[in-house]
Amino acid sequence: MDYFLDMPSSYNDYDKAKVVILPVPYDGTSTFVKGADKGPQAIIDASDSIELYDIEEDIEIYSCGIHTAKAVTENQSPEQVVQAVYQRAKHYINENKTLVVLGGEHSISIGAMQAHAEKYPNMSILQLDAHADLRPEYHNSIYNHACVMHRAKALTNIVQVGIRNVCTEEKEFIDKDAIFYTHQMRSDNSWMDKAIEKLKDNVYLTIDLDCFDPSILPSTGTPLPGGMNWWQVIDFITKVNASKRIVGFDIVELCPNPYDKSSDVLAAVLCYKVITKIGKKAFFTHNKTQ
C-alpha cells in the first residue's frame, strides 16, 4: 500500500487532509532486535485490514482526510535524522495539519517533539514506554534511542507511563511525581488521574510500542514482561484527550515479524484509534457512515 487505510484515494489528498502521517524508517541506534526501519511500512500495510468505521466513537474519521507523506529517507546519522524530521514536522504543523509520525526507532521522535514544542509553548510530552530513555548519551550519541526523553526534558516537562526498566544512571533525571511504573499502576487505580494532573493543556504523545506487554505485542525491539494491556492504553489516551488537547503523536519501535502480523495490526489499529479520538474532538463536525 502507498497510503494508510483502505480508503478511496481522494481522502489521501494533501490539501484536503486534516491529518498527515509521516513515515520515518530509521533504525540506526537500536541495540537489541533490529528491524524498526520496517515498522512504518508494516503499519501502513496492516491498516488495509482495518474497517474505516469506529464502533466506539460512531464515526469514520478518514472522511476528514488522512494524507500519507513521503518517508523521511535520511539515515546517515541520528543527528541528521532528527533534523530532517524536525524540518518536515515544522512544515506540516505550520500548515495546521495534525501530524502522526511512524517510526522507526524512538530517536526519530526528538525532531517532532521539538517542532511541536515551538508551535505549542504550553505543551507537555507524554511518554508511554517500558524504558525511561533518560540517559544523557548512549553509544557516543546524545540522539540515541535511549536518550530521547533526556532530550525531551530540555524542551518541556515530561510525564512517563508504563515504565518498568531503568538504569542507575537515569535515576537522577527522574521526576518521581511524574513517572508511573507498571508495578505501582497495577495496585493504584488512580494513576491515570495523577498522570493527567501533571500535563499542561497541550500534549504531545509518544508511544513506544514496548509499553505493551509482549503477550499482546511481541514484535518490538526491546520487549519486557509486565507491560500495559490494550484497554489500559486506550482508556488512558481517551481520558487524556477528554481533558487536554493532543496536538500530535508518534508510534515507534515496531519490529515486524514476517510470520506473525498481529503486532503490525495492533499498531495500525492504535494509530487509527488515536487519530479518531483526536479528530472527533478537534475537527469532526458530522457523522458519516458508508
Protein backbone atom coordinates (compact mmCIF):
# COMPACT_ATOMS: atom_id res chain seq x y z
CA MET A 1 0.00 0.00 0.00
CA ASP A 2 1.12 3.53 -0.72
CA TYR A 3 -1.00 5.18 1.96
CA PHE A 4 -2.61 4.49 5.32
CA LEU A 5 -6.02 2.72 5.32
CA ASP A 6 -8.01 1.05 2.58
CA MET A 7 -9.92 4.20 1.70
CA PRO A 8 -10.69 6.00 -1.58
CA SER A 9 -7.56 7.75 -2.83
CA SER A 10 -9.27 11.16 -2.73
CA TYR A 11 -9.05 11.11 1.06
CA ASN A 12 -5.26 10.90 0.79
CA ASP A 13 -5.18 14.32 -0.92
CA TYR A 14 -2.78 16.56 1.00
CA ASP A 15 -4.59 19.86 0.52
CA LYS A 16 -7.85 18.49 1.93
CA ALA A 17 -6.39 16.32 4.68
CA LYS A 18 -6.63 17.27 8.33
CA VAL A 19 -4.06 14.62 9.29
CA VAL A 20 -0.62 13.86 7.87
CA ILE A 21 1.18 10.59 8.54
CA LEU A 22 4.96 10.84 8.25
CA PRO A 23 6.86 7.53 7.99
CA VAL A 24 10.44 7.56 9.32
CA PRO A 25 12.02 4.16 8.58
CA TYR A 26 15.20 4.64 10.62
CA ASP A 27 16.87 2.05 12.84
CA GLY A 28 20.40 3.32 13.28
CA THR A 29 20.84 3.31 17.07
CA SER A 30 18.80 0.36 18.33
CA THR A 31 20.86 -2.10 20.35
CA PHE A 32 18.89 -5.35 20.66
CA VAL A 33 16.45 -6.55 17.97
CA LYS A 34 16.89 -4.75 14.65
CA GLY A 35 14.07 -4.14 12.19
CA ALA A 36 12.31 -0.96 13.33
CA ASP A 37 13.10 0.59 9.96
CA LYS A 38 10.47 -1.76 8.52
CA GLY A 39 7.88 -0.64 11.07
CA PRO A 40 6.25 2.27 9.21
CA GLN A 41 5.51 0.25 6.08
CA ALA A 42 4.27 -2.69 8.14
CA ILE A 43 1.80 -0.40 9.93
CA ILE A 44 0.63 1.07 6.63
CA ASP A 45 0.25 -2.40 5.10
CA ALA A 46 -1.63 -3.71 8.15
CA SER A 47 -4.02 -0.76 8.02
CA ASP A 48 -5.51 -2.36 4.92
CA SER A 49 -7.26 -4.81 7.27
CA ILE A 50 -8.96 -2.13 9.38
CA GLU A 51 -12.60 -1.16 8.99
CA LEU A 52 -13.00 2.57 8.47
CA TYR A 53 -15.90 2.85 10.91
CA ASP A 54 -15.10 3.18 14.61
CA ILE A 55 -17.74 1.42 16.70
CA GLU A 56 -16.89 3.20 19.95
CA GLU A 57 -16.92 6.73 18.53
CA ASP A 58 -19.57 6.08 15.84
CA ILE A 59 -17.64 7.93 13.14
CA GLU A 60 -15.40 7.38 10.12
CA ILE A 61 -12.63 9.85 10.78
CA TYR A 62 -10.90 9.11 7.47
CA SER A 63 -13.54 11.33 5.83
CA CYS A 64 -11.64 14.33 7.22
CA GLY A 65 -8.65 13.30 5.13
CA ILE A 66 -5.54 11.38 6.15
CA HIS A 67 -2.54 12.02 3.92
CA THR A 68 0.43 9.67 4.00
CA ALA A 69 3.53 11.72 3.22
CA LYS A 70 6.70 10.50 1.56
CA ALA A 71 9.00 8.86 4.06
CA VAL A 72 11.99 10.61 5.58
CA THR A 73 14.88 8.93 3.78
CA GLU A 74 17.78 10.47 5.73
CA ASN A 75 19.71 7.74 7.53
CA GLN A 76 23.34 8.81 7.78
CA SER A 77 23.29 9.66 11.48
CA PRO A 78 20.70 10.09 14.26
CA GLU A 79 21.50 13.81 14.39
CA GLN A 80 20.71 14.23 10.70
CA VAL A 81 17.54 12.14 11.01
CA VAL A 82 16.33 14.28 13.93
CA GLN A 83 16.94 17.43 11.91
CA ALA A 84 15.15 16.02 8.86
CA VAL A 85 12.12 15.01 10.95
CA TYR A 86 12.13 18.43 12.63
CA GLN A 87 12.03 20.26 9.30
CA ARG A 88 9.24 18.08 7.90
CA ALA A 89 7.23 18.24 11.13
CA LYS A 90 7.57 22.01 11.33
CA HIS A 91 6.28 22.35 7.79
CA TYR A 92 3.19 20.23 8.36
CA ILE A 93 2.15 21.68 11.69
CA ASN A 94 2.66 25.22 10.39
CA GLU A 95 0.11 24.30 7.71
CA ASN A 96 -2.25 23.32 10.54
CA LYS A 97 -2.06 19.59 9.94
CA THR A 98 -2.32 17.14 12.81
CA LEU A 99 0.90 15.17 12.50
CA VAL A 100 1.38 11.47 13.16
CA VAL A 101 4.95 10.16 12.95
CA LEU A 102 5.54 6.45 12.40
CA GLY A 103 8.93 5.01 13.37
CA GLY A 104 11.39 3.63 13.22
CA GLU A 105 13.22 3.60 16.49
CA HIS A 106 12.49 6.08 19.26
CA SER A 107 15.24 8.57 18.43
CA ILE A 108 13.15 9.83 15.50
CA SER A 109 10.65 11.36 17.94
CA ILE A 110 13.02 14.13 19.03
CA GLY A 111 12.59 16.22 15.89
CA ALA A 112 8.79 16.01 16.05
CA MET A 113 8.82 16.91 19.75
CA GLN A 114 10.95 19.98 19.08
CA ALA A 115 8.72 21.21 16.26
CA HIS A 116 5.58 20.80 18.36
CA ALA A 117 7.16 22.45 21.41
CA GLU A 118 7.91 25.52 19.29
CA LYS A 119 4.37 25.63 17.91
CA TYR A 120 2.63 24.94 21.24
CA PRO A 121 4.50 26.59 24.13
CA ASN A 122 2.02 25.38 26.77
CA MET A 123 2.80 21.74 25.98
CA SER A 124 3.82 18.63 27.89
CA ILE A 125 5.27 15.44 26.44
CA LEU A 126 3.51 12.23 27.48
CA GLN A 127 5.54 9.05 27.04
CA LEU A 128 4.12 5.52 27.02
CA ASP A 129 7.11 3.22 27.21
CA ALA A 130 8.76 0.33 29.02
CA HIS A 131 12.01 2.28 29.37
CA ALA A 132 12.78 5.67 30.88
CA ASP A 133 15.09 6.66 27.97
CA LEU A 134 16.74 9.30 30.17
CA ARG A 135 20.42 8.65 29.52
CA PRO A 136 22.33 11.88 28.71
CA GLU A 137 24.12 9.94 25.96
CA TYR A 138 24.48 6.35 24.86
CA HIS A 139 26.97 4.73 22.49
CA ASN A 140 28.62 8.12 21.94
CA SER A 141 25.44 9.88 20.81
CA ILE A 142 23.05 12.20 22.61
CA TYR A 143 20.43 11.31 19.99
CA ASN A 144 20.44 7.59 20.67
CA HIS A 145 17.04 5.95 21.21
CA ALA A 146 17.96 5.54 24.89
CA CYS A 147 18.32 9.33 25.25
CA VAL A 148 15.08 10.55 23.70
CA MET A 149 13.37 11.60 26.93
CA HIS A 150 16.52 13.31 28.20
CA ARG A 151 16.31 15.48 25.09
CA ALA A 152 12.57 15.92 25.67
CA LYS A 153 13.16 17.25 29.19
CA ALA A 154 15.15 20.11 27.65
CA LEU A 155 12.03 21.12 25.70
CA THR A 156 9.30 20.94 28.35
CA ASN A 157 8.01 18.80 31.22
CA ILE A 158 7.53 15.10 30.61
CA VAL A 159 5.17 12.51 32.08
CA GLN A 160 6.28 8.88 31.83
CA VAL A 161 3.81 5.98 31.95
CA GLY A 162 4.30 2.21 31.76
CA ILE A 163 7.95 2.32 32.80
CA ARG A 164 9.49 -0.88 34.13
CA ASN A 165 13.16 -0.69 33.17
CA VAL A 166 15.58 1.98 34.48
CA CYS A 167 19.35 2.04 34.82
CA THR A 168 21.05 3.69 37.80
CA GLU A 169 22.50 6.39 35.53
CA GLU A 170 18.95 7.59 34.79
CA LYS A 171 17.73 7.83 38.39
CA GLU A 172 18.96 11.37 38.98
CA PHE A 173 16.93 12.62 35.99
CA ILE A 174 13.63 11.03 37.06
CA ASP A 175 10.81 13.23 38.33
CA LYS A 176 9.32 10.91 40.95
CA ASP A 177 5.97 12.69 40.80
CA ALA A 178 5.68 12.32 37.03
CA ILE A 179 6.74 8.73 36.42
CA PHE A 180 4.30 5.84 36.67
CA TYR A 181 5.82 2.38 36.98
CA THR A 182 3.73 -0.62 35.96
CA HIS A 183 4.35 -2.43 39.26
CA GLN A 184 2.68 0.53 41.01
CA MET A 185 -0.03 1.05 38.39
CA ARG A 186 -1.45 -2.44 38.92
CA SER A 187 -2.32 -1.66 42.55
CA ASP A 188 -3.23 2.03 42.18
CA ASN A 189 -6.33 2.72 40.13
CA SER A 190 -5.83 6.48 40.45
CA TRP A 191 -2.68 6.55 38.30
CA MET A 192 -4.49 7.89 35.24
CA ASP A 193 -5.82 10.96 37.04
CA LYS A 194 -2.48 11.55 38.75
CA ALA A 195 -0.65 11.43 35.42
CA ILE A 196 -3.12 13.77 33.73
CA GLU A 197 -2.75 16.28 36.56
CA LYS A 198 0.91 16.64 35.60
CA LEU A 199 0.13 17.56 31.99
CA LYS A 200 -0.23 21.04 30.56
CA ASP A 201 -3.14 21.98 28.29
CA ASN A 202 -1.40 20.78 25.12
CA VAL A 203 0.10 17.30 24.93
CA TYR A 204 2.48 15.62 22.51
CA LEU A 205 2.08 11.85 22.84
CA THR A 206 4.98 9.50 22.12
CA ILE A 207 4.13 5.80 22.13
CA ASP A 208 6.93 3.26 22.22
CA LEU A 209 5.13 0.00 21.47
CA ASP A 210 7.11 -1.83 24.13
CA CYS A 211 4.80 -0.10 26.62
CA PHE A 212 2.51 -3.03 25.81
CA ASP A 213 3.09 -6.38 27.42
CA PRO A 214 4.77 -8.74 24.93
CA SER A 215 1.89 -11.18 25.36
CA ILE A 216 -0.15 -8.85 23.14
CA LEU A 217 2.65 -7.11 21.20
CA PRO A 218 5.79 -9.24 20.92
CA SER A 219 7.22 -7.64 17.76
CA THR A 220 9.27 -4.81 19.20
CA GLY A 221 12.97 -4.16 19.62
CA THR A 222 13.19 -4.46 23.40
CA PRO A 223 10.15 -6.37 24.75
CA LEU A 224 9.72 -6.56 28.52
CA PRO A 225 7.22 -8.50 30.65
CA GLY A 226 4.84 -6.71 32.97
CA GLY A 227 3.57 -4.22 30.41
CA MET A 228 0.30 -2.46 29.78
CA ASN A 229 -2.70 -4.09 28.15
CA TRP A 230 -4.77 -2.76 25.26
CA TRP A 231 -7.60 -1.23 27.28
CA GLN A 232 -5.27 0.42 29.79
CA VAL A 233 -3.62 2.28 26.93
CA ILE A 234 -6.86 3.13 25.13
CA ASP A 235 -8.71 4.19 28.28
CA PHE A 236 -5.79 6.38 29.34
CA ILE A 237 -5.47 8.09 25.97
CA THR A 238 -9.24 8.62 25.97
CA LYS A 239 -9.05 10.36 29.37
CA VAL A 240 -6.09 12.49 28.28
CA ASN A 241 -7.92 13.52 25.12
CA ALA A 242 -11.05 14.43 27.07
CA SER A 243 -9.32 16.96 29.32
CA LYS A 244 -6.30 18.01 27.25
CA ARG A 245 -5.52 18.73 23.62
CA ILE A 246 -3.33 16.09 21.99
CA VAL A 247 -1.54 18.18 19.35
CA GLY A 248 0.39 15.34 17.72
CA PHE A 249 1.76 11.89 18.35
CA ASP A 250 4.17 9.22 17.23
CA ILE A 251 4.23 5.43 17.32
CA VAL A 252 7.67 3.83 17.30
CA GLU A 253 9.68 0.63 17.80
CA LEU A 254 7.61 -1.88 15.82
CA CYS A 255 9.94 -4.63 14.55
CA PRO A 256 7.72 -6.63 12.20
CA ASN A 257 7.75 -10.42 12.31
CA PRO A 258 7.07 -11.85 8.84
CA TYR A 259 5.37 -14.87 10.42
CA ASP A 260 3.05 -13.02 12.80
CA LYS A 261 1.19 -9.88 11.75
CA SER A 262 -0.75 -9.36 14.99
CA SER A 263 1.66 -6.71 16.30
CA ASP A 264 1.50 -4.82 12.99
CA VAL A 265 -2.29 -4.83 13.13
CA LEU A 266 -2.33 -3.67 16.76
CA ALA A 267 -0.06 -0.74 15.86
CA ALA A 268 -2.23 0.18 12.88
CA VAL A 269 -5.46 -0.01 14.90
CA LEU A 270 -3.85 2.06 17.66
CA CYS A 271 -2.81 4.70 15.15
CA TYR A 272 -6.30 4.98 13.66
CA LYS A 273 -7.89 4.88 17.11
CA VAL A 274 -5.84 7.83 18.36
CA ILE A 275 -6.49 9.77 15.15
CA THR A 276 -10.21 9.08 15.62
CA LYS A 277 -10.25 10.34 19.20
CA ILE A 278 -8.24 13.47 18.40
CA GLY A 279 -10.23 14.15 15.26
CA LYS A 280 -13.66 13.72 16.78
CA LYS A 281 -12.81 16.37 19.35
CA ALA A 282 -10.81 18.72 17.12
CA PHE A 283 -12.29 18.76 13.64
CA PHE A 284 -15.03 16.20 13.01
CA THR A 285 -18.31 18.05 12.50
CA HIS A 286 -20.69 15.41 11.18
CA ASN A 287 -21.30 11.69 11.26
CA LYS A 288 -20.59 9.80 8.10
CA THR A 289 -21.01 6.08 7.53
CA GLN A 290 -20.71 4.08 4.38
